[in-house]
Amino acid sequence: MPENTIFVKPAAGMRVVNPATGQPLPAEGEVVENGSYWIRRLDDADVTQEEMPVAVDAAPEAAAADAQQTAAKTKKADAKKE
């Protein structure tokens, strides 16, 4: 995670909009730019700063690997049908 980013989650019962995306912050949290907006949200206890879970870091890579495995299985199944 770059130095100018933090991982935040909305506090229980809070709906916080990420100004960079215009979308609500997901309940599982996300990496955001560490700027004045998020510092204010932290100060107001609207969000909590967390350690980034390993799954968040690996999620895009895992999804790509799963997609490749699925494609390979489909290709094998198609080849057997022929």
Protein backbone atom coordinates (compact mmCIF):
# COMPACT_ATOMS: atom_id res chain seq x y z
CA MET A 1 0.00 0.00 0.00
CA PRO A 2 1.53 3.37 -0.97
CA GLU A 3 2.43 5.74 1.85
CA ASN A 4 -0.24 8.28 0.89
CA THR A 5 -3.09 5.77 1.26
CA ILE A 6 -4.95 4.25 4.19
CA PHE A 7 -7.46 1.43 4.58
CA VAL A 8 -10.74 2.58 6.14
CA LYS A 9 -14.08 1.03 7.00
CA PRO A 10 -17.30 2.86 7.78
CA ALA A 11 -18.17 2.91 11.49
CA ALA A 12 -21.10 0.74 12.53
CA GLY A 13 -24.33 2.14 11.13
CA MET A 14 -22.57 4.82 9.06
CA ARG A 15 -22.86 5.42 5.32
CA VAL A 16 -19.86 7.40 4.13
CA VAL A 17 -19.40 8.49 0.52
CA ASN A 18 -15.95 8.27 -1.04
CA PRO A 19 -15.54 11.64 -2.79
CA ALA A 20 -13.11 10.12 -5.30
CA THR A 21 -15.74 7.68 -6.61
CA GLY A 22 -19.03 9.24 -5.51
CA GLN A 23 -19.99 5.81 -4.15
CA PRO A 24 -20.59 4.71 -0.55
CA LEU A 25 -17.61 3.19 1.18
CA PRO A 26 -18.15 -0.60 1.20
CA ALA A 27 -18.78 -2.19 4.59
CA GLU A 28 -15.66 -4.33 4.11
CA GLY A 29 -13.63 -1.14 3.63
CA GLU A 30 -11.28 0.08 0.94
CA VAL A 31 -7.99 1.81 0.32
CA VAL A 32 -8.35 5.58 0.02
CA GLU A 33 -6.01 8.53 -0.42
CA ASN A 34 -4.89 9.84 2.96
CA GLY A 35 -6.15 13.40 2.71
CA SER A 36 -8.07 15.99 4.71
CA TYR A 37 -11.48 14.46 3.91
CA TRP A 38 -10.57 11.09 5.43
CA ILE A 39 -8.74 12.68 8.35
CA ARG A 40 -11.97 14.54 9.19
CA ARG A 41 -14.00 11.33 8.85
CA LEU A 42 -11.57 9.62 11.23
CA ASP A 43 -11.70 12.53 13.70
CA ASP A 44 -15.51 12.45 13.61
CA ALA A 45 -15.50 8.63 14.09
CA ASP A 46 -17.44 8.18 10.83
CA VAL A 47 -14.79 5.66 9.70
CA THR A 48 -12.14 3.54 11.35
CA GLN A 49 -8.64 3.03 10.07
CA GLU A 50 -7.74 -0.64 9.86
CA GLU A 51 -4.85 -2.82 8.83
CA MET A 52 -5.45 -3.91 5.28
CA PRO A 53 -6.55 -7.55 5.22
CA VAL A 54 -4.50 -9.85 3.02
CA ALA A 55 -7.63 -10.80 1.08
CA VAL A 56 -8.11 -7.20 -0.09
CA ASP A 57 -4.56 -7.08 -1.43
CA ALA A 58 -4.86 -10.45 -3.18
CA ALA A 59 -8.45 -10.16 -4.39
CA PRO A 60 -7.75 -8.88 -7.94
CA GLU A 61 -4.98 -11.43 -8.44
CA ALA A 62 -7.09 -14.26 -7.04
CA ALA A 63 -10.01 -13.31 -9.27
CA ALA A 64 -7.76 -13.30 -12.32
CA ALA A 65 -6.32 -16.69 -11.37
CA ASP A 66 -9.82 -18.11 -10.88
CA ALA A 67 -10.89 -16.77 -14.26
CA GLN A 68 -7.87 -18.39 -15.93
CA GLN A 69 -8.56 -21.73 -14.23
CA THR A 70 -12.21 -21.61 -15.28
CA ALA A 71 -11.24 -20.81 -18.85
CA ALA A 72 -8.75 -23.68 -18.91
CA LYS A 73 -11.35 -26.13 -17.55
CA THR A 74 -13.91 -24.96 -20.11
CA LYS A 75 -11.38 -25.37 -22.89
CA LYS A 76 -10.57 -28.92 -21.73
CA ALA A 77 -14.25 -29.82 -21.51
CA ASP A 78 -14.87 -28.44 -25.00
CA ALA A 79 -11.92 -30.41 -26.38
CA LYS A 80 -13.26 -33.66 -24.88
CA LYS A 81 -16.65 -33.09 -26.54
CA GLU A 82 -15.03 -32.90 -29.97
